PDB file of all heavy atoms in Angstrom:
ATOM      1  N   MET A   1     -20.964  40.283   5.979  1.00  0.00           N
ATOM      2  CA  MET A   1     -20.823  39.075   6.666  1.00  0.00           C
ATOM      3  C   MET A   1     -21.738  39.028   7.845  1.00  0.00           C
ATOM      4  O   MET A   1     -21.794  39.873   8.688  1.00  0.00           O
ATOM      5  CB  MET A   1     -19.352  38.957   7.269  1.00  0.00           C
ATOM      6  CG  MET A   1     -18.216  38.813   6.303  1.00  0.00           C
ATOM      7  SD  MET A   1     -16.599  38.332   6.938  1.00  0.00           S
ATOM      8  CE  MET A   1     -16.406  39.494   8.250  1.00  0.00           C
ATOM      9  N   HIS A   2     -22.623  37.994   7.859  1.00  0.00           N
ATOM     10  CA  HIS A   2     -23.631  37.971   8.894  1.00  0.00           C
ATOM     11  C   HIS A   2     -23.658  36.467   9.534  1.00  0.00           C
ATOM     12  O   HIS A   2     -23.986  35.475   8.763  1.00  0.00           O
ATOM     13  CB  HIS A   2     -25.125  38.177   8.303  1.00  0.00           C
ATOM     14  CG  HIS A   2     -25.326  39.658   8.097  1.00  0.00           C
ATOM     15  ND1 HIS A   2     -25.891  40.473   9.075  1.00  0.00           N
ATOM     16  CD2 HIS A   2     -24.944  40.576   7.178  1.00  0.00           C
ATOM     17  CE1 HIS A   2     -25.978  41.668   8.587  1.00  0.00           C
ATOM     18  NE2 HIS A   2     -25.400  41.699   7.390  1.00  0.00           N
ATOM     19  N   HIS A   3     -23.254  36.472  10.761  1.00  0.00           N
ATOM     20  CA  HIS A   3     -23.290  35.198  11.389  1.00  0.00           C
ATOM     21  C   HIS A   3     -23.181  35.465  12.923  1.00  0.00           C
ATOM     22  O   HIS A   3     -22.399  36.207  13.435  1.00  0.00           O
ATOM     23  CB  HIS A   3     -22.215  34.168  10.968  1.00  0.00           C
ATOM     24  CG  HIS A   3     -22.403  32.830  11.622  1.00  0.00           C
ATOM     25  ND1 HIS A   3     -21.762  32.361  12.670  1.00  0.00           N
ATOM     26  CD2 HIS A   3     -23.178  31.749  11.177  1.00  0.00           C
ATOM     27  CE1 HIS A   3     -22.195  31.127  13.007  1.00  0.00           C
ATOM     28  NE2 HIS A   3     -22.962  30.745  12.026  1.00  0.00           N
ATOM     29  N   GLU A   4     -24.064  34.798  13.704  1.00  0.00           N
ATOM     30  CA  GLU A   4     -24.105  34.937  15.199  1.00  0.00           C
ATOM     31  C   GLU A   4     -23.561  33.663  15.609  1.00  0.00           C
ATOM     32  O   GLU A   4     -24.098  32.648  15.526  1.00  0.00           O
ATOM     33  CB  GLU A   4     -25.511  35.208  15.648  1.00  0.00           C
ATOM     34  CG  GLU A   4     -25.545  35.860  17.032  1.00  0.00           C
ATOM     35  CD  GLU A   4     -27.165  36.344  17.239  1.00  0.00           C
ATOM     36  OE1 GLU A   4     -28.052  35.477  16.994  1.00  0.00           O
ATOM     37  OE2 GLU A   4     -27.161  37.425  17.779  1.00  0.00           O
ATOM     38  N   SER A   5     -22.433  33.683  16.269  1.00  0.00           N
ATOM     39  CA  SER A   5     -21.604  32.471  16.638  1.00  0.00           C
ATOM     40  C   SER A   5     -21.691  32.128  18.084  1.00  0.00           C
ATOM     41  O   SER A   5     -21.228  32.735  18.904  1.00  0.00           O
ATOM     42  CB  SER A   5     -20.210  32.622  16.176  1.00  0.00           C
ATOM     43  OG  SER A   5     -19.971  33.096  14.874  1.00  0.00           O
ATOM     44  N   ASN A   6     -22.305  30.978  18.310  1.00  0.00           N
ATOM     45  CA  ASN A   6     -22.491  30.473  19.669  1.00  0.00           C
ATOM     46  C   ASN A   6     -21.352  29.494  20.047  1.00  0.00           C
ATOM     47  O   ASN A   6     -21.248  28.463  19.509  1.00  0.00           O
ATOM     48  CB  ASN A   6     -23.909  29.718  19.644  1.00  0.00           C
ATOM     49  CG  ASN A   6     -24.216  29.318  21.043  1.00  0.00           C
ATOM     50  OD1 ASN A   6     -23.440  28.904  21.833  1.00  0.00           O
ATOM     51  ND2 ASN A   6     -25.502  29.421  21.376  1.00  0.00           N
ATOM     52  N   SER A   7     -20.600  29.910  20.980  1.00  0.00           N
ATOM     53  CA  SER A   7     -19.374  29.075  21.337  1.00  0.00           C
ATOM     54  C   SER A   7     -19.704  27.867  22.134  1.00  0.00           C
ATOM     55  O   SER A   7     -18.903  26.987  22.393  1.00  0.00           O
ATOM     56  CB  SER A   7     -18.389  29.944  22.063  1.00  0.00           C
ATOM     57  OG  SER A   7     -18.797  30.330  23.398  1.00  0.00           O
ATOM     58  N   PHE A   8     -20.918  27.793  22.699  1.00  0.00           N
ATOM     59  CA  PHE A   8     -21.391  26.692  23.396  1.00  0.00           C
ATOM     60  C   PHE A   8     -21.938  25.578  22.610  1.00  0.00           C
ATOM     61  O   PHE A   8     -22.210  24.445  22.917  1.00  0.00           O
ATOM     62  CB  PHE A   8     -22.374  27.019  24.492  1.00  0.00           C
ATOM     63  CG  PHE A   8     -21.877  27.977  25.472  1.00  0.00           C
ATOM     64  CD1 PHE A   8     -22.230  29.392  25.469  1.00  0.00           C
ATOM     65  CD2 PHE A   8     -21.049  27.575  26.468  1.00  0.00           C
ATOM     66  CE1 PHE A   8     -21.780  30.188  26.351  1.00  0.00           C
ATOM     67  CE2 PHE A   8     -20.617  28.458  27.420  1.00  0.00           C
ATOM     68  CZ  PHE A   8     -20.913  29.795  27.420  1.00  0.00           C
ATOM     69  N   ASN A   9     -22.133  25.854  21.308  1.00  0.00           N
ATOM     70  CA  ASN A   9     -22.596  24.949  20.244  1.00  0.00           C
ATOM     71  C   ASN A   9     -21.428  24.316  19.568  1.00  0.00           C
ATOM     72  O   ASN A   9     -20.502  24.926  18.997  1.00  0.00           O
ATOM     73  CB  ASN A   9     -23.428  25.655  19.188  1.00  0.00           C
ATOM     74  CG  ASN A   9     -23.983  24.873  18.110  1.00  0.00           C
ATOM     75  OD1 ASN A   9     -23.582  23.650  17.906  1.00  0.00           O
ATOM     76  ND2 ASN A   9     -24.780  25.523  17.099  1.00  0.00           N
ATOM     77  N   PRO A  10     -21.366  22.862  19.547  1.00  0.00           N
ATOM     78  CA  PRO A  10     -20.104  22.249  19.020  1.00  0.00           C
ATOM     79  C   PRO A  10     -20.060  22.284  17.563  1.00  0.00           C
ATOM     80  O   PRO A  10     -19.108  21.901  16.899  1.00  0.00           O
ATOM     81  CB  PRO A  10     -20.350  20.811  19.453  1.00  0.00           C
ATOM     82  CG  PRO A  10     -21.882  20.651  19.645  1.00  0.00           C
ATOM     83  CD  PRO A  10     -22.276  21.988  20.108  1.00  0.00           C
ATOM     84  N   ILE A  11     -21.156  22.609  16.774  1.00  0.00           N
ATOM     85  CA  ILE A  11     -21.014  22.713  15.364  1.00  0.00           C
ATOM     86  C   ILE A  11     -20.139  23.745  14.895  1.00  0.00           C
ATOM     87  O   ILE A  11     -20.091  24.865  15.345  1.00  0.00           O
ATOM     88  CB  ILE A  11     -22.466  22.985  14.728  1.00  0.00           C
ATOM     89  CG1 ILE A  11     -23.447  21.901  15.071  1.00  0.00           C
ATOM     90  CG2 ILE A  11     -22.392  23.084  13.277  1.00  0.00           C
ATOM     91  CD1 ILE A  11     -24.872  22.165  14.683  1.00  0.00           C
ATOM     92  N   VAL A  12     -19.250  23.435  13.893  1.00  0.00           N
ATOM     93  CA  VAL A  12     -18.365  24.427  13.249  1.00  0.00           C
ATOM     94  C   VAL A  12     -19.077  24.755  12.015  1.00  0.00           C
ATOM     95  O   VAL A  12     -19.228  23.968  11.037  1.00  0.00           O
ATOM     96  CB  VAL A  12     -16.974  23.896  13.089  1.00  0.00           C
ATOM     97  CG1 VAL A  12     -16.134  24.928  12.348  1.00  0.00           C
ATOM     98  CG2 VAL A  12     -16.322  23.538  14.472  1.00  0.00           C
ATOM     99  N   ALA A  13     -19.490  26.076  11.747  1.00  0.00           N
ATOM    100  CA  ALA A  13     -20.210  26.547  10.579  1.00  0.00           C
ATOM    101  C   ALA A  13     -19.213  26.756   9.444  1.00  0.00           C
ATOM    102  O   ALA A  13     -18.225  27.380   9.649  1.00  0.00           O
ATOM    103  CB  ALA A  13     -20.987  27.744  10.818  1.00  0.00           C
ATOM    104  N   GLY A  14     -19.507  26.112   8.308  1.00  0.00           N
ATOM    105  CA  GLY A  14     -18.535  26.246   7.152  1.00  0.00           C
ATOM    106  C   GLY A  14     -19.234  26.554   5.938  1.00  0.00           C
ATOM    107  O   GLY A  14     -20.386  27.005   5.873  1.00  0.00           O
ATOM    108  N   GLU A  15     -18.618  26.244   4.845  1.00  0.00           N
ATOM    109  CA  GLU A  15     -19.060  26.569   3.419  1.00  0.00           C
ATOM    110  C   GLU A  15     -20.449  26.162   3.189  1.00  0.00           C
ATOM    111  O   GLU A  15     -21.252  26.829   2.531  1.00  0.00           O
ATOM    112  CB  GLU A  15     -18.084  25.968   2.477  1.00  0.00           C
ATOM    113  CG  GLU A  15     -18.422  26.296   0.990  1.00  0.00           C
ATOM    114  CD  GLU A  15     -17.393  25.723   0.031  1.00  0.00           C
ATOM    115  OE1 GLU A  15     -16.476  25.080   0.421  1.00  0.00           O
ATOM    116  OE2 GLU A  15     -17.567  26.066  -1.182  1.00  0.00           O
ATOM    117  N   ASN A  16     -20.818  24.889   3.608  1.00  0.00           N
ATOM    118  CA  ASN A  16     -22.181  24.397   3.345  1.00  0.00           C
ATOM    119  C   ASN A  16     -23.253  25.070   4.187  1.00  0.00           C
ATOM    120  O   ASN A  16     -24.463  24.923   3.790  1.00  0.00           O
ATOM    121  CB  ASN A  16     -22.231  22.923   3.649  1.00  0.00           C
ATOM    122  CG  ASN A  16     -21.326  22.069   2.659  1.00  0.00           C
ATOM    123  OD1 ASN A  16     -21.080  22.481   1.514  1.00  0.00           O
ATOM    124  ND2 ASN A  16     -20.850  20.973   3.183  1.00  0.00           N
ATOM    125  N   ASP A  17     -22.924  25.799   5.197  1.00  0.00           N
ATOM    126  CA  ASP A  17     -23.884  26.510   5.925  1.00  0.00           C
ATOM    127  C   ASP A  17     -24.232  27.912   5.432  1.00  0.00           C
ATOM    128  O   ASP A  17     -25.150  28.551   5.845  1.00  0.00           O
ATOM    129  CB  ASP A  17     -23.451  26.498   7.382  1.00  0.00           C
ATOM    130  CG  ASP A  17     -23.274  25.155   8.047  1.00  0.00           C
ATOM    131  OD1 ASP A  17     -24.208  24.514   8.240  1.00  0.00           O
ATOM    132  OD2 ASP A  17     -22.071  24.865   8.207  1.00  0.00           O
ATOM    133  N   PHE A  18     -23.265  28.492   4.703  1.00  0.00           N
ATOM    134  CA  PHE A  18     -23.396  29.931   4.221  1.00  0.00           C
ATOM    135  C   PHE A  18     -23.930  30.027   2.850  1.00  0.00           C
ATOM    136  O   PHE A  18     -23.723  29.228   1.989  1.00  0.00           O
ATOM    137  CB  PHE A  18     -22.007  30.543   4.280  1.00  0.00           C
ATOM    138  CG  PHE A  18     -21.590  31.024   5.662  1.00  0.00           C
ATOM    139  CD1 PHE A  18     -21.004  30.112   6.574  1.00  0.00           C
ATOM    140  CD2 PHE A  18     -21.726  32.340   6.008  1.00  0.00           C
ATOM    141  CE1 PHE A  18     -20.597  30.408   7.816  1.00  0.00           C
ATOM    142  CE2 PHE A  18     -21.321  32.686   7.315  1.00  0.00           C
ATOM    143  CZ  PHE A  18     -20.788  31.831   8.177  1.00  0.00           C
ATOM    144  N   ASN A  19     -24.789  31.068   2.646  1.00  0.00           N
ATOM    145  CA  ASN A  19     -25.089  31.424   1.299  1.00  0.00           C
ATOM    146  C   ASN A  19     -24.126  32.681   0.935  1.00  0.00           C
ATOM    147  O   ASN A  19     -23.973  33.611   1.738  1.00  0.00           O
ATOM    148  CB  ASN A  19     -26.509  31.961   1.298  1.00  0.00           C
ATOM    149  CG  ASN A  19     -26.940  32.467  -0.126  1.00  0.00           C
ATOM    150  OD1 ASN A  19     -26.707  33.636  -0.487  1.00  0.00           O
ATOM    151  ND2 ASN A  19     -27.423  31.560  -0.873  1.00  0.00           N
ATOM    152  N   VAL A  20     -23.428  32.484  -0.164  1.00  0.00           N
ATOM    153  CA  VAL A  20     -22.524  33.466  -0.596  1.00  0.00           C
ATOM    154  C   VAL A  20     -22.974  34.220  -1.837  1.00  0.00           C
ATOM    155  O   VAL A  20     -23.307  33.381  -2.730  1.00  0.00           O
ATOM    156  CB  VAL A  20     -21.096  32.861  -0.742  1.00  0.00           C
ATOM    157  CG1 VAL A  20     -20.098  33.930  -1.115  1.00  0.00           C
ATOM    158  CG2 VAL A  20     -20.723  32.220   0.597  1.00  0.00           C
ATOM    159  N   MET A  21     -23.019  35.458  -1.892  1.00  0.00           N
ATOM    160  CA  MET A  21     -23.378  36.211  -3.062  1.00  0.00           C
ATOM    161  C   MET A  21     -22.154  37.002  -3.511  1.00  0.00           C
ATOM    162  O   MET A  21     -21.333  37.535  -2.745  1.00  0.00           O
ATOM    163  CB  MET A  21     -24.544  37.142  -2.747  1.00  0.00           C
ATOM    164  CG  MET A  21     -25.737  36.478  -2.390  1.00  0.00           C
ATOM    165  SD  MET A  21     -27.305  37.592  -2.488  1.00  0.00           S
ATOM    166  CE  MET A  21     -26.777  38.894  -1.487  1.00  0.00           C
ATOM    167  N   ARG A  22     -22.108  37.200  -4.881  1.00  0.00           N
ATOM    168  CA  ARG A  22     -21.030  37.993  -5.525  1.00  0.00           C
ATOM    169  C   ARG A  22     -21.556  38.858  -6.663  1.00  0.00           C
ATOM    170  O   ARG A  22     -22.520  38.463  -7.227  1.00  0.00           O
ATOM    171  CB  ARG A  22     -19.953  37.076  -5.996  1.00  0.00           C
ATOM    172  CG  ARG A  22     -19.255  36.167  -4.916  1.00  0.00           C
ATOM    173  CD  ARG A  22     -18.268  35.194  -5.582  1.00  0.00           C
ATOM    174  NE  ARG A  22     -17.451  34.432  -4.545  1.00  0.00           N
ATOM    175  CZ  ARG A  22     -17.955  33.390  -3.928  1.00  0.00           C
ATOM    176  NH1 ARG A  22     -19.044  32.787  -4.294  1.00  0.00           N
ATOM    177  NH2 ARG A  22     -17.176  32.842  -2.984  1.00  0.00           N
ATOM    178  N   GLY A  23     -20.992  39.922  -6.903  1.00  0.00           N
ATOM    179  CA  GLY A  23     -21.248  40.717  -7.996  1.00  0.00           C
ATOM    180  C   GLY A  23     -22.598  41.113  -8.322  1.00  0.00           C
ATOM    181  O   GLY A  23     -23.209  41.609  -7.456  1.00  0.00           O
ATOM    182  N   LYS A  24     -23.179  40.789  -9.431  1.00  0.00           N
ATOM    183  CA  LYS A  24     -24.568  41.090  -9.852  1.00  0.00           C
ATOM    184  C   LYS A  24     -25.568  40.598  -8.917  1.00  0.00           C
ATOM    185  O   LYS A  24     -26.671  41.137  -8.715  1.00  0.00           O
ATOM    186  CB  LYS A  24     -24.854  40.594 -11.245  1.00  0.00           C
ATOM    187  CG  LYS A  24     -26.178  40.903 -11.872  1.00  0.00           C
ATOM    188  CD  LYS A  24     -26.278  40.437 -13.330  1.00  0.00           C
ATOM    189  CE  LYS A  24     -27.538  40.716 -13.920  1.00  0.00           C
ATOM    190  NZ  LYS A  24     -28.583  39.874 -13.366  1.00  0.00           N
ATOM    191  N   GLU A  25     -25.305  39.532  -8.157  1.00  0.00           N
ATOM    192  CA  GLU A  25     -26.275  38.957  -7.219  1.00  0.00           C
ATOM    193  C   GLU A  25     -26.650  39.962  -6.089  1.00  0.00           C
ATOM    194  O   GLU A  25     -27.741  39.918  -5.508  1.00  0.00           O
ATOM    195  CB  GLU A  25     -25.685  37.743  -6.562  1.00  0.00           C
ATOM    196  CG  GLU A  25     -25.515  36.527  -7.476  1.00  0.00           C
ATOM    197  CD  GLU A  25     -24.956  35.264  -6.815  1.00  0.00           C
ATOM    198  OE1 GLU A  25     -23.732  35.509  -6.371  1.00  0.00           O
ATOM    199  OE2 GLU A  25     -25.540  34.333  -6.656  1.00  0.00           O
ATOM    200  N   PHE A  26     -25.736  41.007  -5.829  1.00  0.00           N
ATOM    201  CA  PHE A  26     -26.182  42.038  -4.839  1.00  0.00           C
ATOM    202  C   PHE A  26     -27.324  42.714  -5.290  1.00  0.00           C
ATOM    203  O   PHE A  26     -28.163  43.136  -4.499  1.00  0.00           O
ATOM    204  CB  PHE A  26     -24.997  42.968  -4.605  1.00  0.00           C
ATOM    205  CG  PHE A  26     -23.958  42.555  -3.710  1.00  0.00           C
ATOM    206  CD1 PHE A  26     -23.353  41.236  -3.718  1.00  0.00           C
ATOM    207  CD2 PHE A  26     -23.374  43.453  -2.810  1.00  0.00           C
ATOM    208  CE1 PHE A  26     -22.371  40.852  -2.895  1.00  0.00           C
ATOM    209  CE2 PHE A  26     -22.363  43.107  -1.826  1.00  0.00           C
ATOM    210  CZ  PHE A  26     -21.929  41.726  -1.903  1.00  0.00           C
ATOM    211  N   PHE A  27     -27.460  42.989  -6.560  1.00  0.00           N
ATOM    212  CA  PHE A  27     -28.552  43.776  -7.227  1.00  0.00           C
ATOM    213  C   PHE A  27     -29.797  42.949  -7.489  1.00  0.00           C
ATOM    214  O   PHE A  27     -30.874  43.483  -7.466  1.00  0.00           O
ATOM    215  CB  PHE A  27     -28.085  44.514  -8.332  1.00  0.00           C
ATOM    216  CG  PHE A  27     -26.748  45.241  -8.221  1.00  0.00           C
ATOM    217  CD1 PHE A  27     -25.576  44.759  -8.811  1.00  0.00           C
ATOM    218  CD2 PHE A  27     -26.598  46.349  -7.382  1.00  0.00           C
ATOM    219  CE1 PHE A  27     -24.325  45.458  -8.608  1.00  0.00           C
ATOM    220  CE2 PHE A  27     -25.370  46.977  -7.157  1.00  0.00           C
ATOM    221  CZ  PHE A  27     -24.340  46.518  -7.781  1.00  0.00           C
ATOM    222  N   ASP A  28     -29.581  41.618  -7.615  1.00  0.00           N
ATOM    223  CA  ASP A  28     -30.663  40.765  -7.915  1.00  0.00           C
ATOM    224  C   ASP A  28     -31.387  40.323  -6.714  1.00  0.00           C
ATOM    225  O   ASP A  28     -32.401  39.754  -6.815  1.00  0.00           O
ATOM    226  CB  ASP A  28     -30.217  39.531  -8.717  1.00  0.00           C
ATOM    227  CG  ASP A  28     -29.627  39.871 -10.133  1.00  0.00           C
ATOM    228  OD1 ASP A  28     -29.969  40.969 -10.629  1.00  0.00           O
ATOM    229  OD2 ASP A  28     -28.835  39.046 -10.629  1.00  0.00           O
ATOM    230  N   ASN A  29     -30.826  40.640  -5.481  1.00  0.00           N
ATOM    231  CA  ASN A  29     -31.445  40.098  -4.337  1.00  0.00           C
ATOM    232  C   ASN A  29     -31.787  41.325  -3.370  1.00  0.00           C
ATOM    233  O   ASN A  29     -31.491  41.096  -2.104  1.00  0.00           O
ATOM    234  CB  ASN A  29     -30.459  39.113  -3.746  1.00  0.00           C
ATOM    235  CG  ASN A  29     -30.521  37.805  -4.397  1.00  0.00           C
ATOM    236  OD1 ASN A  29     -31.340  36.951  -4.215  1.00  0.00           O
ATOM    237  ND2 ASN A  29     -29.434  37.624  -5.083  1.00  0.00           N
ATOM    238  N   ILE A  30     -32.254  42.342  -3.797  1.00  0.00           N
ATOM    239  CA  ILE A  30     -32.701  43.489  -2.986  1.00  0.00           C
ATOM    240  C   ILE A  30     -33.929  42.931  -2.229  1.00  0.00           C
ATOM    241  O   ILE A  30     -34.986  42.618  -2.884  1.00  0.00           O
ATOM    242  CB  ILE A  30     -33.023  44.744  -3.728  1.00  0.00           C
ATOM    243  CG1 ILE A  30     -31.728  45.164  -4.446  1.00  0.00           C
ATOM    244  CG2 ILE A  30     -33.565  45.818  -2.865  1.00  0.00           C
ATOM    245  CD1 ILE A  30     -30.600  45.758  -3.570  1.00  0.00           C
ATOM    246  N   ARG A  31     -33.924  42.864  -0.892  1.00  0.00           N
ATOM    247  CA  ARG A  31     -34.972  42.279  -0.052  1.00  0.00           C
ATOM    248  C   ARG A  31     -35.467  43.287   1.026  1.00  0.00           C
ATOM    249  O   ARG A  31     -34.649  44.181   1.449  1.00  0.00           O
ATOM    250  CB  ARG A  31     -34.482  41.029   0.525  1.00  0.00           C
ATOM    251  CG  ARG A  31     -34.182  39.897  -0.410  1.00  0.00           C
ATOM    252  CD  ARG A  31     -33.509  38.743   0.321  1.00  0.00           C
ATOM    253  NE  ARG A  31     -32.302  38.954   0.973  1.00  0.00           N
ATOM    254  CZ  ARG A  31     -31.932  38.390   2.119  1.00  0.00           C
ATOM    255  NH1 ARG A  31     -32.744  37.648   2.671  1.00  0.00           N
ATOM    256  NH2 ARG A  31     -30.755  38.767   2.583  1.00  0.00           N
ATOM    257  N   GLU A  32     -36.709  43.058   1.384  1.00  0.00           N
ATOM    258  CA  GLU A  32     -37.136  43.832   2.559  1.00  0.00           C
ATOM    259  C   GLU A  32     -36.509  43.394   3.799  1.00  0.00           C
ATOM    260  O   GLU A  32     -36.028  42.275   3.951  1.00  0.00           O
ATOM    261  CB  GLU A  32     -38.680  43.664   2.764  1.00  0.00           C
ATOM    262  CG  GLU A  32     -39.583  44.263   1.617  1.00  0.00           C
ATOM    263  CD  GLU A  32     -41.000  43.986   1.875  1.00  0.00           C
ATOM    264  OE1 GLU A  32     -41.432  43.371   2.890  1.00  0.00           O
ATOM    265  OE2 GLU A  32     -41.855  44.316   1.010  1.00  0.00           O
ATOM    266  N   ASN A  33     -36.341  44.286   4.782  1.00  0.00           N
ATOM    267  CA  ASN A  33     -35.788  44.034   5.992  1.00  0.00           C
ATOM    268  C   ASN A  33     -34.333  43.287   5.998  1.00  0.00           C
ATOM    269  O   ASN A  33     -34.120  42.260   6.619  1.00  0.00           O
ATOM    270  CB  ASN A  33     -36.669  43.064   6.872  1.00  0.00           C
ATOM    271  CG  ASN A  33     -36.382  43.200   8.394  1.00  0.00           C
ATOM    272  OD1 ASN A  33     -36.031  44.313   8.876  1.00  0.00           O
ATOM    273  ND2 ASN A  33     -36.579  42.176   9.206  1.00  0.00           N
ATOM    274  N   ASP A  34     -33.600  43.841   5.077  1.00  0.00           N
ATOM    275  CA  ASP A  34     -32.233  43.347   4.964  1.00  0.00           C
ATOM    276  C   ASP A  34     -31.268  44.524   4.914  1.00  0.00           C
ATOM    277  O   ASP A  34     -31.383  45.440   4.123  1.00  0.00           O
ATOM    278  CB  ASP A  34     -32.110  42.548   3.612  1.00  0.00           C
ATOM    279  CG  ASP A  34     -30.760  42.079   3.232  1.00  0.00           C
ATOM    280  OD1 ASP A  34     -30.132  41.439   4.025  1.00  0.00           O
ATOM    281  OD2 ASP A  34     -30.198  42.544   2.233  1.00  0.00           O
ATOM    282  N   SER A  35     -30.216  44.599   5.756  1.00  0.00           N
ATOM    283  CA  SER A  35     -29.385  45.606   5.933  1.00  0.00           C
ATOM    284  C   SER A  35     -28.456  45.877   4.733  1.00  0.00           C
ATOM    285  O   SER A  35     -28.211  47.000   4.388  1.00  0.00           O
ATOM    286  CB  SER A  35     -28.522  45.537   7.189  1.00  0.00           C
ATOM    287  OG  SER A  35     -27.869  44.331   7.224  1.00  0.00           O
ATOM    288  N   LEU A  36     -28.007  44.813   4.144  1.00  0.00           N
ATOM    289  CA  LEU A  36     -27.254  44.883   2.879  1.00  0.00           C
ATOM    290  C   LEU A  36     -28.079  45.538   1.720  1.00  0.00           C
ATOM    291  O   LEU A  36     -27.660  46.418   1.008  1.00  0.00           O
ATOM    292  CB  LEU A  36     -26.807  43.494   2.342  1.00  0.00           C
ATOM    293  CG  LEU A  36     -25.995  43.515   1.040  1.00  0.00           C
ATOM    294  CD1 LEU A  36     -24.736  44.330   1.155  1.00  0.00           C
ATOM    295  CD2 LEU A  36     -25.642  42.088   0.670  1.00  0.00           C
ATOM    296  N   SER A  37     -29.368  45.239   1.655  1.00  0.00           N
ATOM    297  CA  SER A  37     -30.168  45.707   0.624  1.00  0.00           C
ATOM    298  C   SER A  37     -30.384  47.315   0.996  1.00  0.00           C
ATOM    299  O   SER A  37     -30.444  48.031   0.114  1.00  0.00           O
ATOM    300  CB  SER A  37     -31.626  45.182   0.644  1.00  0.00           C
ATOM    301  OG  SER A  37     -31.453  43.750   0.219  1.00  0.00           O
ATOM    302  N   GLY A  38     -30.525  47.630   2.201  1.00  0.00           N
ATOM    303  CA  GLY A  38     -30.670  49.081   2.665  1.00  0.00           C
ATOM    304  C   GLY A  38     -29.326  49.826   2.297  1.00  0.00           C
ATOM    305  O   GLY A  38     -29.511  50.978   1.721  1.00  0.00           O
ATOM    306  N   VAL A  39     -28.169  49.282   2.416  1.00  0.00           N
ATOM    307  CA  VAL A  39     -26.946  49.920   1.930  1.00  0.00           C
ATOM    308  C   VAL A  39     -26.917  50.121   0.541  1.00  0.00           C
ATOM    309  O   VAL A  39     -26.714  51.292   0.002  1.00  0.00           O
ATOM    310  CB  VAL A  39     -25.658  49.130   2.406  1.00  0.00           C
ATOM    311  CG1 VAL A  39     -24.436  49.680   1.808  1.00  0.00           C
ATOM    312  CG2 VAL A  39     -25.640  49.120   3.918  1.00  0.00           C
ATOM    313  N   VAL A  40     -27.093  48.941  -0.230  1.00  0.00           N
ATOM    314  CA  VAL A  40     -27.062  49.050  -1.689  1.00  0.00           C
ATOM    315  C   VAL A  40     -28.016  49.988  -2.296  1.00  0.00           C
ATOM    316  O   VAL A  40     -27.687  50.861  -3.213  1.00  0.00           O
ATOM    317  CB  VAL A  40     -27.202  47.671  -2.322  1.00  0.00           C
ATOM    318  CG1 VAL A  40     -27.313  47.691  -3.791  1.00  0.00           C
ATOM    319  CG2 VAL A  40     -26.084  46.748  -1.879  1.00  0.00           C
ATOM    320  N   LYS A  41     -29.251  49.961  -1.904  1.00  0.00           N
ATOM    321  CA  LYS A  41     -30.353  50.779  -2.590  1.00  0.00           C
ATOM    322  C   LYS A  41     -30.135  52.241  -2.287  1.00  0.00           C
ATOM    323  O   LYS A  41     -30.289  53.085  -3.067  1.00  0.00           O
ATOM    324  CB  LYS A  41     -31.722  50.278  -2.072  1.00  0.00           C
ATOM    325  CG  LYS A  41     -32.850  50.915  -2.869  1.00  0.00           C
ATOM    326  CD  LYS A  41     -34.191  50.318  -2.538  1.00  0.00           C
ATOM    327  CE  LYS A  41     -35.255  50.822  -3.449  1.00  0.00           C
ATOM    328  NZ  LYS A  41     -35.371  52.384  -3.516  1.00  0.00           N
ATOM    329  N   THR A  42     -29.803  52.576  -0.976  1.00  0.00           N
ATOM    330  CA  THR A  42     -29.555  53.929  -0.591  1.00  0.00           C
ATOM    331  C   THR A  42     -28.430  54.566  -1.472  1.00  0.00           C
ATOM    332  O   THR A  42     -28.574  55.699  -1.833  1.00  0.00           O
ATOM    333  CB  THR A  42     -29.285  53.985   0.887  1.00  0.00           C
ATOM    334  OG1 THR A  42     -30.362  53.419   1.540  1.00  0.00           O
ATOM    335  CG2 THR A  42     -29.214  55.543   1.330  1.00  0.00           C
ATOM    336  N   LEU A  43     -27.400  53.834  -1.536  1.00  0.00           N
ATOM    337  CA  LEU A  43     -26.133  54.466  -2.357  1.00  0.00           C
ATOM    338  C   LEU A  43     -26.529  54.613  -3.791  1.00  0.00           C
ATOM    339  O   LEU A  43     -26.263  55.527  -4.473  1.00  0.00           O
ATOM    340  CB  LEU A  43     -25.022  53.436  -2.133  1.00  0.00           C
ATOM    341  CG  LEU A  43     -24.395  53.458  -0.706  1.00  0.00           C
ATOM    342  CD1 LEU A  43     -23.267  52.397  -0.647  1.00  0.00           C
ATOM    343  CD2 LEU A  43     -23.768  54.815  -0.337  1.00  0.00           C
ATOM    344  N   MET A  44     -27.306  53.607  -4.328  1.00  0.00           N
ATOM    345  CA  MET A  44     -27.704  53.660  -5.678  1.00  0.00           C
ATOM    346  C   MET A  44     -28.591  54.804  -5.929  1.00  0.00           C
ATOM    347  O   MET A  44     -28.416  55.606  -7.008  1.00  0.00           O
ATOM    348  CB  MET A  44     -28.224  52.338  -6.251  1.00  0.00           C
ATOM    349  CG  MET A  44     -27.332  51.210  -6.358  1.00  0.00           C
ATOM    350  SD  MET A  44     -27.982  49.588  -6.658  1.00  0.00           S
ATOM    351  CE  MET A  44     -28.769  49.991  -8.319  1.00  0.00           C
TER     352      MET A  44
END
């Protein structure tokens, strides 16, 4: 879960603001400079 939430900003971030990945997408989106990718690749 990655979001930096600014309480002085009136926007409420919801479903349309987030990119959600599930299952196989974890392995299809191994990226540079991404902590989730670092976790997944190191464990694999």
